[in-house]
C-alpha atoms as a PDB file:
ATOM      1  CA  MET A   1      -8.732  47.780  43.224  1.00  0.00           C
ATOM      2  CA  ASP A   2      -6.686  46.918  46.267  1.00  0.00           C
ATOM      3  CA  ALA A   3      -2.966  46.172  46.234  1.00  0.00           C
ATOM      4  CA  HIS A   4      -3.471  42.428  46.868  1.00  0.00           C
ATOM      5  CA  ILE A   5      -5.604  41.991  43.737  1.00  0.00           C
ATOM      6  CA  LYS A   6      -3.180  43.996  41.620  1.00  0.00           C
ATOM      7  CA  LYS A   7      -0.186  42.046  42.943  1.00  0.00           C
ATOM      8  CA  VAL A   8      -1.802  38.640  42.366  1.00  0.00           C
ATOM      9  CA  TYR A   9      -3.547  39.248  39.037  1.00  0.00           C
ATOM     10  CA  VAL A  10      -1.478  41.847  37.141  1.00  0.00           C
ATOM     11  CA  PRO A  11       0.071  40.496  34.966  1.00  0.00           C
ATOM     12  CA  MET A  12      -2.214  37.492  34.682  1.00  0.00           C
ATOM     13  CA  THR A  13      -1.513  33.876  33.942  1.00  0.00           C
ATOM     14  CA  GLU A  14      -2.956  32.533  30.701  1.00  0.00           C
ATOM     15  CA  THR A  15      -5.329  30.415  32.779  1.00  0.00           C
ATOM     16  CA  GLY A  16      -6.644  33.428  34.671  1.00  0.00           C
ATOM     17  CA  PHE A  17      -6.940  35.466  31.494  1.00  0.00           C
ATOM     18  CA  TYR A  18      -8.944  32.834  29.667  1.00  0.00           C
ATOM     19  CA  ILE A  19     -11.213  32.171  32.646  1.00  0.00           C
ATOM     20  CA  LEU A  20     -12.163  35.847  32.932  1.00  0.00           C
ATOM     21  CA  LEU A  21     -12.479  36.174  29.161  1.00  0.00           C
ATOM     22  CA  CYS A  22     -14.862  33.207  29.025  1.00  0.00           C
ATOM     23  CA  LEU A  23     -16.886  34.350  32.043  1.00  0.00           C
ATOM     24  CA  ARG A  24     -18.052  37.531  30.372  1.00  0.00           C
ATOM     25  CA  GLU A  25     -21.025  35.225  29.799  1.00  0.00           C
ATOM     26  CA  GLU A  26     -22.262  32.777  32.433  1.00  0.00           C
ATOM     27  CA  ASN A  27     -20.474  29.444  32.225  1.00  0.00           C
ATOM     28  CA  HIS A  28     -19.231  26.477  34.239  1.00  0.00           C
ATOM     29  CA  GLY A  29     -15.724  25.019  34.554  1.00  0.00           C
ATOM     30  CA  TYR A  30     -16.096  22.351  31.894  1.00  0.00           C
ATOM     31  CA  GLY A  31     -17.637  24.892  29.507  1.00  0.00           C
ATOM     32  CA  ILE A  32     -14.626  27.162  30.017  1.00  0.00           C
ATOM     33  CA  VAL A  33     -12.246  24.266  29.313  1.00  0.00           C
ATOM     34  CA  GLN A  34     -14.101  23.567  26.048  1.00  0.00           C
ATOM     35  CA  MET A  35     -14.152  27.243  24.995  1.00  0.00           C
ATOM     36  CA  VAL A  36     -10.421  27.681  25.648  1.00  0.00           C
ATOM     37  CA  ARG A  37      -9.594  24.465  23.825  1.00  0.00           C
ATOM     38  CA  GLU A  38     -11.609  25.652  20.819  1.00  0.00           C
ATOM     39  CA  MET A  39     -10.395  29.276  20.716  1.00  0.00           C
ATOM     40  CA  THR A  40      -6.724  28.235  20.997  1.00  0.00           C
ATOM     41  CA  ASN A  41      -6.986  25.388  18.476  1.00  0.00           C
ATOM     42  CA  GLU A  42      -6.178  22.950  21.299  1.00  0.00           C
ATOM     43  CA  GLU A  43      -2.884  24.698  22.117  1.00  0.00           C
ATOM     44  CA  ILE A  44      -4.121  25.374  25.647  1.00  0.00           C
ATOM     45  CA  ILE A  45      -5.987  22.659  27.492  1.00  0.00           C
ATOM     46  CA  LEU A  46      -6.868  23.590  31.050  1.00  0.00           C
ATOM     47  CA  ALA A  47      -6.515  20.714  33.500  1.00  0.00           C
ATOM     48  CA  PRO A  48      -9.425  20.210  35.925  1.00  0.00           C
ATOM     49  CA  GLY A  49      -7.269  20.833  39.019  1.00  0.00           C
ATOM     50  CA  THR A  50      -5.937  24.084  37.591  1.00  0.00           C
ATOM     51  CA  MET A  51      -9.390  25.175  36.450  1.00  0.00           C
ATOM     52  CA  TYR A  52     -11.255  24.515  39.681  1.00  0.00           C
ATOM     53  CA  GLY A  53      -8.433  25.853  41.858  1.00  0.00           C
ATOM     54  CA  SER A  54      -8.445  29.074  39.825  1.00  0.00           C
ATOM     55  CA  LEU A  55     -12.241  29.381  39.933  1.00  0.00           C
ATOM     56  CA  SER A  56     -12.205  28.959  43.706  1.00  0.00           C
ATOM     57  CA  LYS A  57      -9.462  31.554  44.187  1.00  0.00           C
ATOM     58  CA  MET A  58     -11.060  34.038  41.795  1.00  0.00           C
ATOM     59  CA  GLU A  59     -14.417  33.670  43.527  1.00  0.00           C
ATOM     60  CA  LYS A  60     -12.782  34.216  46.929  1.00  0.00           C
ATOM     61  CA  ASP A  61     -10.983  37.310  45.588  1.00  0.00           C
ATOM     62  CA  GLY A  62     -14.215  38.707  44.095  1.00  0.00           C
ATOM     63  CA  LEU A  63     -13.282  38.522  40.397  1.00  0.00           C
ATOM     64  CA  ILE A  64     -16.081  36.089  39.618  1.00  0.00           C
ATOM     65  CA  ARG A  65     -19.265  35.121  41.413  1.00  0.00           C
ATOM     66  CA  PHE A  66     -21.330  31.970  41.686  1.00  0.00           C
ATOM     67  CA  VAL A  67     -24.667  32.397  39.904  1.00  0.00           C
ATOM     68  CA  ARG A  68     -26.468  29.070  40.276  1.00  0.00           C
ATOM     69  CA  GLU A  69     -26.090  25.333  39.919  1.00  0.00           C
ATOM     70  CA  GLU A  70     -27.322  23.450  36.857  1.00  0.00           C
ATOM     71  CA  GLU A  71     -27.115  19.660  36.657  1.00  0.00           C
ATOM     72  CA  LYS A  72     -24.479  19.592  39.436  1.00  0.00           C
ATOM     73  CA  ARG A  73     -22.361  22.209  37.617  1.00  0.00           C
ATOM     74  CA  LYS A  74     -21.606  25.552  39.252  1.00  0.00           C
ATOM     75  CA  ILE A  75     -22.280  28.475  36.937  1.00  0.00           C
ATOM     76  CA  TYR A  76     -20.100  31.583  37.351  1.00  0.00           C
ATOM     77  CA  VAL A  77     -19.926  35.056  35.830  1.00  0.00           C
ATOM     78  CA  ILE A  78     -17.316  37.819  35.925  1.00  0.00           C
ATOM     79  CA  THR A  79     -17.824  40.672  38.441  1.00  0.00           C
ATOM     80  CA  ASP A  80     -17.113  44.377  37.985  1.00  0.00           C
ATOM     81  CA  LEU A  81     -13.739  43.857  39.679  1.00  0.00           C
ATOM     82  CA  GLY A  82     -12.982  40.955  37.339  1.00  0.00           C
ATOM     83  CA  THR A  83     -13.918  43.100  34.351  1.00  0.00           C
ATOM     84  CA  GLU A  84     -11.567  45.823  35.584  1.00  0.00           C
ATOM     85  CA  VAL A  85      -8.689  43.345  36.014  1.00  0.00           C
ATOM     86  CA  LEU A  86      -9.383  41.797  32.592  1.00  0.00           C
ATOM     87  CA  GLY A  87      -9.377  45.265  31.016  1.00  0.00           C
ATOM     88  CA  ILE A  88      -5.993  46.084  32.551  1.00  0.00           C
ATOM     89  CA  GLU A  89      -4.582  42.817  31.236  1.00  0.00           C
ATOM     90  CA  MET A  90      -6.040  43.348  27.760  1.00  0.00           C
ATOM     91  CA  LYS A  91      -4.421  46.804  27.586  1.00  0.00           C
ATOM     92  CA  ARG A  92      -1.105  45.282  28.718  1.00  0.00           C
ATOM     93  CA  ILE A  93      -1.301  42.617  25.995  1.00  0.00           C
ATOM     94  CA  GLU A  94      -2.241  45.219  23.366  1.00  0.00           C
ATOM     95  CA  ARG A  95       0.792  47.314  24.398  1.00  0.00           C
ATOM     96  CA  LEU A  96       3.060  44.262  24.144  1.00  0.00           C
ATOM     97  CA  PHE A  97       1.693  43.456  20.698  1.00  0.00           C
ATOM     98  CA  LYS A  98       2.060  47.061  19.500  1.00  0.00           C
ATOM     99  CA  ASN A  99       5.654  47.238  20.742  1.00  0.00           C
ATOM    100  CA  MET A 100       6.475  43.912  19.132  1.00  0.00           C
ATOM    101  CA  LYS A 101       5.068  45.047  15.778  1.00  0.00           C
ATOM    102  CA  GLU A 102       7.004  48.324  15.950  1.00  0.00           C
ATOM    103  CA  MET A 103      10.266  46.458  16.572  1.00  0.00           C
ATOM    104  CA  SER A 104       9.745  43.942  13.735  1.00  0.00           C
END
């Protein structure tokens, strides 16, 4: 992983985290919005501008890739680089949670 990717994506924004988490299976922007809304009990609702800007940037940076178009919706999936970045972030969050629990 090059320094640019690490600088931009570690630590990740919640938006970036949820996009990569949801793209472990092929999905489109609106599908990601729905998944995030459901898994966070509507606490996080991704705005279309934020979602599509993030998808575009992540595709350009090689974290996700375009798979195909279905009914005018672009379908994406996470890449190996995206999986690596997501794994780093998940370990960071697990460490934060562990430290929080130990201090409680």
